N, C-alpha and C. Protein backbone atom coordinates (compact mmCIF):
# COMPACT_ATOMS: atom_id res chain seq x y z
N MET A 1 3.93 -10.70 -75.57
CA MET A 1 3.67 -9.69 -75.06
C MET A 1 2.85 -10.40 -73.27
N VAL A 2 1.82 -10.68 -73.61
CA VAL A 2 0.89 -11.19 -72.50
C VAL A 2 1.57 -12.38 -71.59
N TRP A 3 2.31 -12.89 -72.34
CA TRP A 3 3.14 -14.12 -71.65
C TRP A 3 4.49 -13.35 -70.95
N VAL A 4 4.68 -12.34 -71.05
CA VAL A 4 6.14 -11.61 -70.16
C VAL A 4 5.03 -11.24 -69.21
N ILE A 5 3.80 -10.33 -69.04
CA ILE A 5 3.04 -9.75 -68.06
C ILE A 5 2.78 -10.92 -67.17
N VAL A 6 2.18 -12.67 -67.69
CA VAL A 6 1.85 -13.39 -67.22
C VAL A 6 2.78 -13.72 -66.18
N LEU A 7 3.96 -13.82 -66.55
CA LEU A 7 4.94 -14.33 -66.16
C LEU A 7 5.83 -13.26 -65.18
N VAL A 8 5.46 -11.85 -65.59
CA VAL A 8 6.27 -11.24 -64.48
C VAL A 8 5.09 -11.10 -62.92
N VAL A 9 4.08 -11.03 -63.55
CA VAL A 9 3.12 -11.46 -62.04
C VAL A 9 3.15 -12.75 -61.35
N ALA A 10 3.13 -13.77 -61.80
CA ALA A 10 3.72 -14.98 -61.64
C ALA A 10 4.95 -14.67 -60.72
N ALA A 11 5.80 -14.14 -61.12
CA ALA A 11 7.20 -14.49 -60.12
C ALA A 11 6.92 -13.44 -59.26
N VAL A 12 6.20 -12.41 -59.22
CA VAL A 12 6.16 -10.89 -58.02
C VAL A 12 5.35 -11.82 -56.89
N ILE A 13 4.38 -12.80 -57.49
CA ILE A 13 3.61 -13.48 -56.73
C ILE A 13 4.06 -14.46 -55.41
N VAL A 14 5.29 -15.42 -56.36
CA VAL A 14 6.09 -16.05 -55.64
C VAL A 14 6.79 -15.65 -55.05
N PHE A 15 7.55 -14.16 -55.46
CA PHE A 15 8.29 -13.76 -54.11
C PHE A 15 8.00 -13.65 -52.86
N TRP A 16 6.19 -12.71 -53.37
CA TRP A 16 5.42 -12.36 -51.78
C TRP A 16 5.54 -13.14 -51.29
N VAL A 17 4.97 -14.59 -51.66
CA VAL A 17 4.39 -15.54 -50.85
C VAL A 17 5.67 -15.96 -49.98
N ILE A 18 7.31 -16.26 -51.17
CA ILE A 18 8.30 -16.83 -50.04
C ILE A 18 8.49 -15.48 -49.20
N ALA A 19 8.68 -13.82 -49.24
CA ALA A 19 9.43 -13.34 -48.71
C ALA A 19 8.24 -12.98 -47.13
N THR A 20 6.89 -13.33 -47.46
CA THR A 20 6.08 -12.83 -46.82
C THR A 20 6.20 -14.53 -45.84
N TYR A 21 5.89 -16.17 -46.13
CA TYR A 21 6.17 -16.89 -45.56
C TYR A 21 8.02 -16.99 -44.07
N ASN A 22 8.88 -16.46 -45.00
CA ASN A 22 9.97 -16.37 -44.09
C ASN A 22 9.71 -15.13 -42.62
N LYS A 23 9.34 -14.25 -43.44
CA LYS A 23 8.64 -13.48 -42.58
C LYS A 23 8.50 -13.80 -41.19
N LEU A 24 6.76 -14.91 -41.63
CA LEU A 24 6.14 -15.37 -40.85
C LEU A 24 7.57 -16.49 -39.38
N VAL A 25 8.24 -16.93 -40.83
CA VAL A 25 9.56 -18.36 -39.82
C VAL A 25 9.93 -17.00 -38.61
N ALA A 26 10.21 -16.14 -39.36
CA ALA A 26 11.55 -15.44 -38.55
C ALA A 26 10.82 -15.17 -36.85
N GLU A 27 9.09 -14.33 -37.64
CA GLU A 27 8.63 -13.98 -36.11
C GLU A 27 8.01 -15.13 -34.94
N ARG A 28 7.98 -16.27 -35.86
CA ARG A 28 7.69 -17.17 -34.88
C ARG A 28 8.95 -17.63 -33.97
N LYS A 29 9.95 -18.36 -34.78
CA LYS A 29 11.31 -18.21 -34.26
C LYS A 29 11.45 -17.10 -33.40
N LYS A 30 11.25 -16.36 -32.92
CA LYS A 30 12.04 -14.86 -31.76
C LYS A 30 10.97 -15.20 -31.11
N VAL A 31 9.59 -15.73 -31.39
CA VAL A 31 8.60 -15.98 -29.99
C VAL A 31 9.42 -17.31 -29.39
N GLU A 32 9.64 -18.51 -29.89
CA GLU A 32 10.21 -19.29 -28.93
C GLU A 32 11.15 -19.11 -28.28
N ASN A 33 12.53 -18.24 -29.41
CA ASN A 33 13.54 -17.97 -28.51
C ASN A 33 13.03 -16.53 -26.92
N SER A 34 12.21 -15.97 -27.10
CA SER A 34 11.67 -15.38 -26.17
C SER A 34 11.09 -16.25 -24.83
N TRP A 35 10.37 -17.36 -25.49
CA TRP A 35 10.11 -18.22 -24.78
C TRP A 35 10.93 -19.31 -23.86
N SER A 36 12.15 -19.88 -24.82
CA SER A 36 13.49 -20.04 -24.27
C SER A 36 14.16 -19.22 -23.25
N GLN A 37 13.90 -17.88 -23.11
CA GLN A 37 14.73 -17.25 -22.15
C GLN A 37 14.25 -17.27 -20.73
N ILE A 38 12.72 -16.99 -21.07
CA ILE A 38 11.92 -17.13 -19.48
C ILE A 38 12.35 -18.58 -18.92
N ASP A 39 12.65 -20.08 -20.11
CA ASP A 39 12.42 -20.98 -19.32
C ASP A 39 13.66 -21.19 -18.46
N VAL A 40 15.02 -20.22 -19.09
CA VAL A 40 16.27 -20.52 -18.65
C VAL A 40 16.25 -19.83 -16.79
N GLN A 41 15.24 -19.16 -16.77
CA GLN A 41 14.98 -17.89 -15.98
C GLN A 41 14.21 -18.80 -14.94
N LEU A 42 12.96 -19.58 -15.28
CA LEU A 42 11.96 -20.22 -14.41
C LEU A 42 12.94 -21.66 -13.96
N LYS A 43 13.60 -22.43 -14.76
CA LYS A 43 14.59 -23.20 -14.67
C LYS A 43 15.83 -22.62 -13.11
N ARG A 44 16.35 -21.57 -13.82
CA ARG A 44 17.25 -20.78 -11.93
C ARG A 44 16.27 -20.79 -10.93
N ARG A 45 14.89 -20.41 -11.12
CA ARG A 45 14.07 -20.07 -9.86
C ARG A 45 13.26 -21.45 -9.37
N SER A 46 13.15 -22.46 -10.22
CA SER A 46 13.04 -23.79 -9.54
C SER A 46 14.26 -24.32 -8.77
N ASP A 47 15.66 -24.72 -9.34
CA ASP A 47 16.60 -24.68 -8.51
C ASP A 47 16.58 -24.09 -7.20
N LEU A 48 16.27 -22.50 -7.28
CA LEU A 48 16.32 -22.49 -6.13
C LEU A 48 15.71 -22.45 -5.08
N ILE A 49 14.40 -22.76 -5.08
CA ILE A 49 13.12 -22.94 -4.35
C ILE A 49 13.53 -24.27 -3.18
N PRO A 50 14.17 -25.04 -3.58
CA PRO A 50 14.37 -26.27 -2.64
C PRO A 50 15.62 -25.77 -1.27
N ASN A 51 16.23 -25.02 -2.17
CA ASN A 51 17.32 -24.34 -1.10
C ASN A 51 16.72 -23.45 -0.22
N LEU A 52 15.84 -22.44 -0.62
CA LEU A 52 15.63 -21.43 0.44
C LEU A 52 14.19 -22.25 1.42
N VAL A 53 13.42 -23.44 0.66
CA VAL A 53 12.78 -24.25 1.67
C VAL A 53 13.39 -24.70 2.48
N ASN A 54 14.66 -25.54 2.32
CA ASN A 54 15.16 -25.90 3.63
C ASN A 54 15.97 -24.68 4.29
N ALA A 55 16.44 -24.16 4.12
CA ALA A 55 17.07 -23.21 4.55
C ALA A 55 16.24 -22.28 6.25
N VAL A 56 14.75 -22.50 5.83
CA VAL A 56 13.41 -21.89 6.43
C VAL A 56 13.12 -22.72 6.94
N LYS A 57 13.07 -23.64 6.63
CA LYS A 57 12.41 -24.81 7.20
C LYS A 57 12.34 -25.52 8.77
N GLY A 58 13.20 -24.99 9.16
CA GLY A 58 13.41 -24.78 10.69
C GLY A 58 13.29 -24.22 11.62
N TYR A 59 13.26 -22.89 10.73
CA TYR A 59 12.23 -21.43 11.52
C TYR A 59 10.87 -21.43 11.41
N MET A 60 10.74 -22.39 10.73
CA MET A 60 8.91 -21.95 10.03
C MET A 60 8.46 -23.04 10.40
N LYS A 61 8.38 -23.80 11.51
CA LYS A 61 7.48 -25.10 11.68
C LYS A 61 6.10 -24.91 11.98
N PHE A 62 5.41 -23.06 11.85
CA PHE A 62 4.17 -23.47 12.20
C PHE A 62 3.59 -23.07 10.54
N GLU A 63 4.52 -23.18 9.65
CA GLU A 63 4.50 -22.58 8.22
C GLU A 63 4.38 -23.60 7.14
N SER A 64 3.95 -24.69 8.08
CA SER A 64 4.70 -26.12 7.05
C SER A 64 3.54 -25.58 6.16
N ASP A 65 2.48 -25.46 6.09
CA ASP A 65 1.29 -25.65 4.98
C ASP A 65 2.02 -24.64 3.72
N THR A 66 2.89 -23.74 4.09
CA THR A 66 3.00 -22.58 2.80
C THR A 66 3.92 -23.36 1.95
N LEU A 67 5.23 -24.03 3.32
CA LEU A 67 6.46 -24.53 2.55
C LEU A 67 6.01 -25.66 1.51
N GLU A 68 4.99 -26.25 2.02
CA GLU A 68 4.41 -27.81 1.04
C GLU A 68 3.68 -27.03 -0.11
N LYS A 69 2.92 -25.96 -0.15
CA LYS A 69 2.42 -25.22 -1.33
C LYS A 69 3.24 -24.67 -2.12
N VAL A 70 4.41 -24.66 -1.81
CA VAL A 70 5.70 -23.82 -2.65
C VAL A 70 6.06 -25.16 -3.07
N MET A 71 6.64 -26.08 -2.96
CA MET A 71 6.90 -27.37 -3.45
C MET A 71 6.03 -28.03 -4.09
N ASN A 72 4.72 -27.95 -3.81
CA ASN A 72 3.72 -28.59 -4.86
C ASN A 72 3.84 -28.07 -6.17
N ALA A 73 3.49 -26.76 -5.76
CA ALA A 73 3.42 -25.80 -7.20
C ALA A 73 4.77 -26.11 -7.97
N ARG A 74 5.70 -26.24 -7.25
CA ARG A 74 6.92 -25.84 -8.52
C ARG A 74 6.87 -27.55 -9.00
N ALA A 75 6.42 -28.79 -8.29
CA ALA A 75 6.57 -29.37 -8.95
C ALA A 75 4.82 -29.54 -9.96
N ARG A 76 4.30 -29.07 -9.67
CA ARG A 76 3.19 -28.75 -10.96
C ARG A 76 3.35 -28.15 -12.19
N ALA A 77 4.86 -26.90 -11.76
CA ALA A 77 5.74 -26.86 -13.11
C ALA A 77 6.26 -27.38 -13.99
N LEU A 78 7.19 -28.12 -12.73
CA LEU A 78 8.41 -28.96 -13.42
C LEU A 78 7.69 -30.00 -14.55
N GLY A 79 6.27 -30.50 -13.27
CA GLY A 79 5.81 -31.80 -15.02
C GLY A 79 4.58 -31.57 -15.47
N ALA A 80 4.89 -29.68 -15.75
CA ALA A 80 3.61 -29.50 -17.04
C ALA A 80 4.17 -30.16 -18.42
N THR A 81 3.31 -30.28 -19.66
CA THR A 81 3.23 -31.37 -20.77
C THR A 81 3.70 -30.18 -21.53
N ASN A 82 2.73 -29.31 -21.32
CA ASN A 82 2.54 -28.38 -22.78
C ASN A 82 2.68 -26.94 -22.15
N GLN A 83 3.05 -25.75 -22.95
CA GLN A 83 3.46 -24.40 -22.65
C GLN A 83 2.13 -23.78 -21.72
N LYS A 84 1.14 -23.81 -22.28
CA LYS A 84 -0.05 -23.21 -21.48
C LYS A 84 -0.13 -23.64 -20.52
N GLU A 85 0.04 -24.97 -20.01
CA GLU A 85 0.38 -25.40 -18.38
C GLU A 85 1.64 -25.08 -17.52
N ARG A 86 2.42 -24.80 -18.49
CA ARG A 86 3.29 -24.24 -17.82
C ARG A 86 3.45 -22.85 -17.21
N MET A 87 2.57 -22.20 -18.24
CA MET A 87 2.42 -21.01 -17.78
C MET A 87 1.71 -20.71 -16.73
N ASP A 88 0.74 -21.77 -16.93
CA ASP A 88 -0.29 -21.58 -15.54
C ASP A 88 0.06 -21.92 -14.11
N ALA A 89 1.06 -22.81 -14.46
CA ALA A 89 1.48 -23.31 -13.37
C ALA A 89 2.68 -22.77 -12.82
N GLU A 90 3.60 -21.73 -13.32
CA GLU A 90 4.73 -21.08 -12.73
C GLU A 90 4.01 -19.61 -12.56
N GLY A 91 2.66 -19.01 -13.02
CA GLY A 91 1.91 -18.48 -12.46
C GLY A 91 1.86 -18.69 -10.69
N GLU A 92 1.04 -19.51 -10.85
CA GLU A 92 1.03 -20.50 -9.51
C GLU A 92 2.03 -20.38 -8.62
N VAL A 93 3.33 -20.88 -9.22
CA VAL A 93 4.92 -20.42 -8.31
C VAL A 93 4.80 -19.29 -7.76
N SER A 94 4.80 -18.38 -8.74
CA SER A 94 5.29 -16.37 -8.39
C SER A 94 3.98 -16.57 -6.82
N GLY A 95 3.01 -16.86 -7.25
CA GLY A 95 2.16 -16.67 -5.92
C GLY A 95 2.05 -17.26 -4.79
N VAL A 96 2.58 -18.31 -4.93
CA VAL A 96 2.98 -19.24 -3.39
C VAL A 96 4.37 -18.68 -3.05
N LEU A 97 5.01 -18.60 -3.47
CA LEU A 97 6.75 -17.86 -3.61
C LEU A 97 6.74 -16.66 -2.83
N GLY A 98 5.30 -15.90 -3.48
CA GLY A 98 5.08 -14.02 -3.17
C GLY A 98 4.90 -14.52 -1.39
N ARG A 99 4.15 -15.54 -1.24
CA ARG A 99 3.43 -15.54 0.16
C ARG A 99 4.32 -16.35 0.71
N LEU A 100 5.65 -17.16 0.52
CA LEU A 100 5.95 -17.37 1.35
C LEU A 100 7.58 -16.22 1.53
N LEU A 101 7.64 -15.29 0.80
CA LEU A 101 8.68 -14.42 1.24
C LEU A 101 8.08 -13.36 2.16
N ALA A 102 6.58 -13.70 2.03
CA ALA A 102 6.06 -12.54 2.91
C ALA A 102 6.00 -13.02 4.46
N VAL A 103 5.67 -14.20 4.25
CA VAL A 103 6.09 -15.18 5.86
C VAL A 103 7.55 -14.80 6.29
N VAL A 104 8.21 -14.63 5.85
CA VAL A 104 9.58 -14.69 6.09
C VAL A 104 9.74 -13.23 6.84
N GLU A 105 9.28 -12.36 6.81
CA GLU A 105 9.43 -11.55 6.75
C GLU A 105 8.63 -11.59 8.72
N ASN A 106 7.99 -12.39 8.90
CA ASN A 106 7.39 -12.03 9.70
C ASN A 106 8.57 -12.94 10.75
N TYR A 107 9.71 -13.58 10.57
CA TYR A 107 10.60 -14.41 11.47
C TYR A 107 11.72 -13.51 11.69
N PRO A 108 12.01 -12.75 12.21
CA PRO A 108 13.30 -11.87 12.71
C PRO A 108 14.38 -12.77 12.61
N GLU A 109 14.54 -13.97 13.32
CA GLU A 109 15.68 -14.74 12.94
C GLU A 109 16.03 -15.06 11.55
N LEU A 110 15.10 -15.54 10.97
CA LEU A 110 15.25 -15.67 9.50
C LEU A 110 16.04 -14.53 8.66
N LYS A 111 15.25 -13.25 8.95
CA LYS A 111 15.66 -12.22 8.34
C LYS A 111 17.24 -11.53 8.41
N ALA A 112 17.69 -12.49 9.90
CA ALA A 112 19.12 -12.40 9.92
C ALA A 112 20.20 -12.95 9.35
N ASN A 113 19.58 -14.25 8.70
CA ASN A 113 20.37 -15.38 8.68
C ASN A 113 20.83 -14.67 7.08
N GLN A 114 21.99 -14.69 7.07
CA GLN A 114 22.47 -14.38 5.82
C GLN A 114 22.46 -15.65 4.29
N ASN A 115 22.18 -16.39 4.76
CA ASN A 115 22.14 -17.72 4.16
C ASN A 115 20.58 -17.40 3.19
N VAL A 116 19.58 -17.63 4.28
CA VAL A 116 18.37 -17.12 3.71
C VAL A 116 18.40 -15.31 3.10
N MET A 117 18.74 -14.77 3.45
CA MET A 117 19.26 -13.37 2.68
C MET A 117 19.62 -13.18 1.28
N SER A 118 20.61 -14.28 1.26
CA SER A 118 20.98 -14.13 0.26
C SER A 118 20.51 -15.10 -0.84
N MET A 119 19.81 -16.11 -0.65
CA MET A 119 18.62 -16.64 -1.47
C MET A 119 17.55 -16.01 -1.79
N GLN A 120 17.28 -15.22 -0.74
CA GLN A 120 16.05 -14.37 -1.15
C GLN A 120 17.03 -12.75 -2.00
N GLU A 121 17.48 -13.02 -2.09
CA GLU A 121 18.11 -11.70 -2.76
C GLU A 121 18.20 -12.51 -4.53
N GLU A 122 18.60 -13.58 -4.28
CA GLU A 122 18.72 -14.08 -5.79
C GLU A 122 17.60 -14.54 -6.21
N LEU A 123 16.27 -14.91 -5.68
CA LEU A 123 15.09 -15.20 -5.79
C LEU A 123 14.62 -14.09 -6.42
N SER A 124 14.78 -12.83 -5.67
CA SER A 124 14.11 -11.51 -5.77
C SER A 124 14.83 -10.75 -7.75
N ASN A 125 15.93 -11.44 -7.68
CA ASN A 125 16.61 -10.72 -9.00
C ASN A 125 16.25 -11.75 -10.45
N THR A 126 15.67 -12.65 -9.60
CA THR A 126 15.15 -13.86 -10.75
C THR A 126 13.72 -13.35 -11.12
N GLU A 127 12.95 -12.80 -10.18
CA GLU A 127 11.66 -12.52 -10.61
C GLU A 127 11.73 -11.87 -11.16
N ASN A 128 12.95 -10.81 -11.06
CA ASN A 128 12.36 -9.31 -11.70
C ASN A 128 12.58 -9.62 -13.18
N LYS A 129 13.91 -10.71 -13.48
CA LYS A 129 13.98 -11.54 -14.75
C LYS A 129 13.21 -11.95 -15.56
N ILE A 130 12.68 -12.87 -14.61
CA ILE A 130 11.68 -13.56 -15.68
C ILE A 130 10.45 -12.46 -15.82
N SER A 131 10.01 -11.74 -14.81
CA SER A 131 9.36 -10.51 -15.16
C SER A 131 9.35 -9.95 -16.32
N TYR A 132 10.70 -9.58 -16.62
CA TYR A 132 10.99 -8.73 -17.72
C TYR A 132 10.88 -9.66 -18.99
N SER A 133 11.62 -10.47 -18.80
CA SER A 133 11.34 -12.06 -20.24
C SER A 133 10.10 -12.36 -20.46
N ARG A 134 9.33 -12.37 -19.38
CA ARG A 134 7.50 -12.32 -20.01
C ARG A 134 6.89 -11.12 -20.23
N GLN A 135 7.62 -10.33 -20.16
CA GLN A 135 6.78 -8.72 -20.98
C GLN A 135 7.58 -8.91 -22.42
N PHE A 136 8.57 -9.24 -22.46
CA PHE A 136 9.59 -8.85 -23.84
C PHE A 136 8.61 -10.17 -24.84
N TYR A 137 8.38 -11.44 -23.76
CA TYR A 137 7.51 -12.62 -24.97
C TYR A 137 6.11 -11.63 -25.08
N ASN A 138 5.76 -11.53 -24.15
CA ASN A 138 4.03 -10.72 -24.51
C ASN A 138 4.16 -10.02 -26.08
N ASP A 139 5.41 -8.96 -25.89
CA ASP A 139 5.40 -8.01 -27.10
C ASP A 139 6.07 -8.81 -28.02
N ILE A 140 6.98 -9.81 -28.08
CA ILE A 140 7.41 -10.34 -29.56
C ILE A 140 5.47 -11.49 -30.19
N THR A 141 5.27 -12.01 -28.88
CA THR A 141 4.15 -13.00 -29.56
C THR A 141 2.72 -11.74 -30.20
N MET A 142 2.33 -10.98 -29.33
CA MET A 142 2.16 -9.55 -29.99
C MET A 142 2.04 -9.53 -31.58
N LYS A 143 3.37 -9.48 -31.52
CA LYS A 143 3.46 -8.81 -32.87
C LYS A 143 3.41 -10.14 -33.89
N TYR A 144 4.08 -11.09 -33.45
CA TYR A 144 3.51 -12.16 -34.48
C TYR A 144 2.23 -12.56 -34.22
N ASN A 145 1.07 -12.89 -34.00
CA ASN A 145 -0.17 -13.29 -33.55
C ASN A 145 -0.72 -11.82 -34.54
N THR A 146 -0.04 -10.93 -34.96
CA THR A 146 -0.84 -9.70 -35.32
C THR A 146 -0.25 -9.73 -36.88
N ALA A 147 0.72 -10.21 -36.95
CA ALA A 147 1.17 -10.68 -38.39
C ALA A 147 0.49 -11.91 -38.92
N ILE A 148 0.39 -12.61 -38.18
CA ILE A 148 -0.40 -14.04 -38.79
C ILE A 148 -1.95 -13.91 -38.73
N GLU A 149 -2.63 -12.74 -38.24
CA GLU A 149 -4.09 -12.32 -38.26
C GLU A 149 -4.23 -11.49 -39.87
N GLN A 150 -3.13 -10.42 -40.62
CA GLN A 150 -3.48 -9.41 -40.89
C GLN A 150 -3.37 -10.21 -42.37
N PHE A 151 -4.37 -9.33 -42.88
CA PHE A 151 -4.36 -9.91 -44.41
C PHE A 151 -3.63 -8.62 -45.27
N PRO A 152 -2.84 -9.78 -46.41
CA PRO A 152 -2.87 -10.67 -46.98
C PRO A 152 -1.81 -11.75 -46.24
N ALA A 153 -0.85 -11.34 -45.15
CA ALA A 153 -0.22 -12.46 -44.69
C ALA A 153 -0.81 -13.90 -44.15
N ASN A 154 -2.41 -13.49 -43.58
CA ASN A 154 -2.93 -14.61 -43.04
C ASN A 154 -3.20 -15.53 -43.67
N LEU A 155 -3.28 -14.92 -45.13
CA LEU A 155 -3.96 -16.58 -46.38
C LEU A 155 -2.17 -17.17 -46.28
N ILE A 156 -1.54 -16.97 -46.15
CA ILE A 156 -0.30 -17.38 -46.14
C ILE A 156 -0.12 -18.07 -44.85
N ALA A 157 -0.32 -17.64 -43.26
CA ALA A 157 -0.19 -18.36 -42.31
C ALA A 157 -1.66 -19.63 -42.27
N LYS A 158 -2.39 -19.45 -43.08
CA LYS A 158 -3.74 -20.05 -42.94
C LYS A 158 -2.86 -21.38 -43.87
N LEU A 159 -2.40 -21.16 -44.95
CA LEU A 159 -1.77 -22.01 -46.21
C LEU A 159 -0.49 -23.08 -45.33
N PHE A 160 0.10 -22.36 -44.19
CA PHE A 160 1.03 -23.35 -43.99
C PHE A 160 1.53 -23.43 -42.48
N ASN A 161 -0.13 -23.80 -41.83
CA ASN A 161 -0.48 -23.63 -40.75
C ASN A 161 0.09 -22.73 -39.79
N PHE A 162 0.13 -21.75 -39.49
CA PHE A 162 1.02 -21.73 -38.70
C PHE A 162 -0.18 -21.18 -37.51
N LYS A 163 0.18 -21.43 -36.22
CA LYS A 163 -0.78 -21.18 -35.38
C LYS A 163 -0.07 -19.59 -34.14
N MET A 164 -1.35 -19.39 -33.74
CA MET A 164 -1.02 -18.48 -32.68
C MET A 164 -0.98 -19.05 -31.19
N PHE A 165 0.28 -18.09 -30.55
CA PHE A 165 1.16 -18.47 -28.93
C PHE A 165 0.13 -17.72 -28.24
N ASP A 166 -0.01 -18.38 -27.14
CA ASP A 166 -0.13 -17.63 -25.67
C ASP A 166 0.18 -16.94 -24.97
N PHE A 167 -0.33 -16.07 -24.59
CA PHE A 167 0.38 -14.71 -23.95
C PHE A 167 0.55 -15.50 -22.53
N PHE A 168 1.18 -14.71 -21.83
CA PHE A 168 1.72 -15.32 -20.70
C PHE A 168 0.28 -13.88 -19.54
N LYS A 169 -0.09 -14.48 -18.78
CA LYS A 169 -1.24 -13.65 -17.83
C LYS A 169 -1.18 -13.61 -16.73
N ILE A 170 -1.44 -12.89 -15.99
CA ILE A 170 -1.00 -13.07 -14.54
C ILE A 170 -2.31 -13.77 -14.08
N PRO A 171 -2.08 -14.68 -13.17
CA PRO A 171 -3.10 -15.45 -12.50
C PRO A 171 -4.07 -14.49 -11.54
N GLU A 172 -5.09 -14.86 -11.19
CA GLU A 172 -6.29 -14.44 -10.53
C GLU A 172 -5.81 -14.27 -8.92
N SER A 173 -4.78 -15.28 -8.45
CA SER A 173 -4.13 -14.69 -7.40
C SER A 173 -3.35 -14.27 -6.94
N GLU A 174 -2.78 -13.76 -8.20
CA GLU A 174 -1.37 -12.33 -8.00
C GLU A 174 -2.23 -10.93 -7.99
N LYS A 175 -3.33 -11.29 -8.88
CA LYS A 175 -4.28 -10.05 -8.86
C LYS A 175 -4.55 -9.65 -7.52
N GLU A 176 -4.69 -10.17 -6.52
CA GLU A 176 -4.87 -10.09 -5.30
C GLU A 176 -4.41 -8.83 -4.67
N VAL A 177 -5.14 -7.77 -3.87
CA VAL A 177 -4.05 -6.64 -3.18
C VAL A 177 -4.16 -7.33 -1.89
N PRO A 178 -2.30 -7.79 -1.72
CA PRO A 178 -2.16 -7.89 -0.52
C PRO A 178 -2.69 -7.23 1.06
N LYS A 179 -2.29 -8.05 1.79
CA LYS A 179 -3.23 -7.79 3.34
C LYS A 179 -2.04 -7.21 3.86
N VAL A 180 -2.08 -6.00 4.07
CA VAL A 180 -1.00 -5.03 5.27
C VAL A 180 -1.09 -5.37 6.74
N ASP A 181 -0.68 -5.72 7.46
CA ASP A 181 -1.35 -5.57 9.16
C ASP A 181 -0.07 -4.80 9.93
N LEU A 182 -0.41 -3.62 10.39
CA LEU A 182 0.76 -2.46 11.16
C LEU A 182 0.60 -2.79 12.12
N ASN A 183 -0.11 -3.30 12.89
CA ASN A 183 -0.75 -3.66 14.62
C ASN A 183 0.62 -4.41 14.82
N PHE A 184 1.42 -4.12 15.89
CA PHE A 184 2.55 -4.24 16.22
C PHE A 184 2.00 -4.95 17.65
């Protein structure tokens, strides 16, 4: 009779370990998938940037520094070697791209250029998708990170070396309040 109880308890523990492991794997895959969704949008933005820079280059002779910063930030993002580095670099791209689009507003001939307006709209839509994807990624990451820290699942997570994922954070440069000059 004792052997039966021991076998039942052992079976329950084994099934619990398997179920917990599978749940953690499923949560990790959700985080990886949500990162892939962000990556798709970041690639789309990265492809649009050179076209926008080329379209505005002729008009913005005095803004070459801004254009150079956009292209350098894009190059750093494309050259990132890990997820954390990529997150930081893409945050920088968002910041300098926002500044470029703000500068475009100072050039009436650019605002009238249909090609520039179309690319600006595409970038705006892509930025919205990136923003939504980042929010979703952070939500899924929070759920996963919480799951691997909660007892008793943390025992399984530690045993099978589940690692926490980083959150997307707003770079300090994007936290600054933009300065608006209404003097004409």
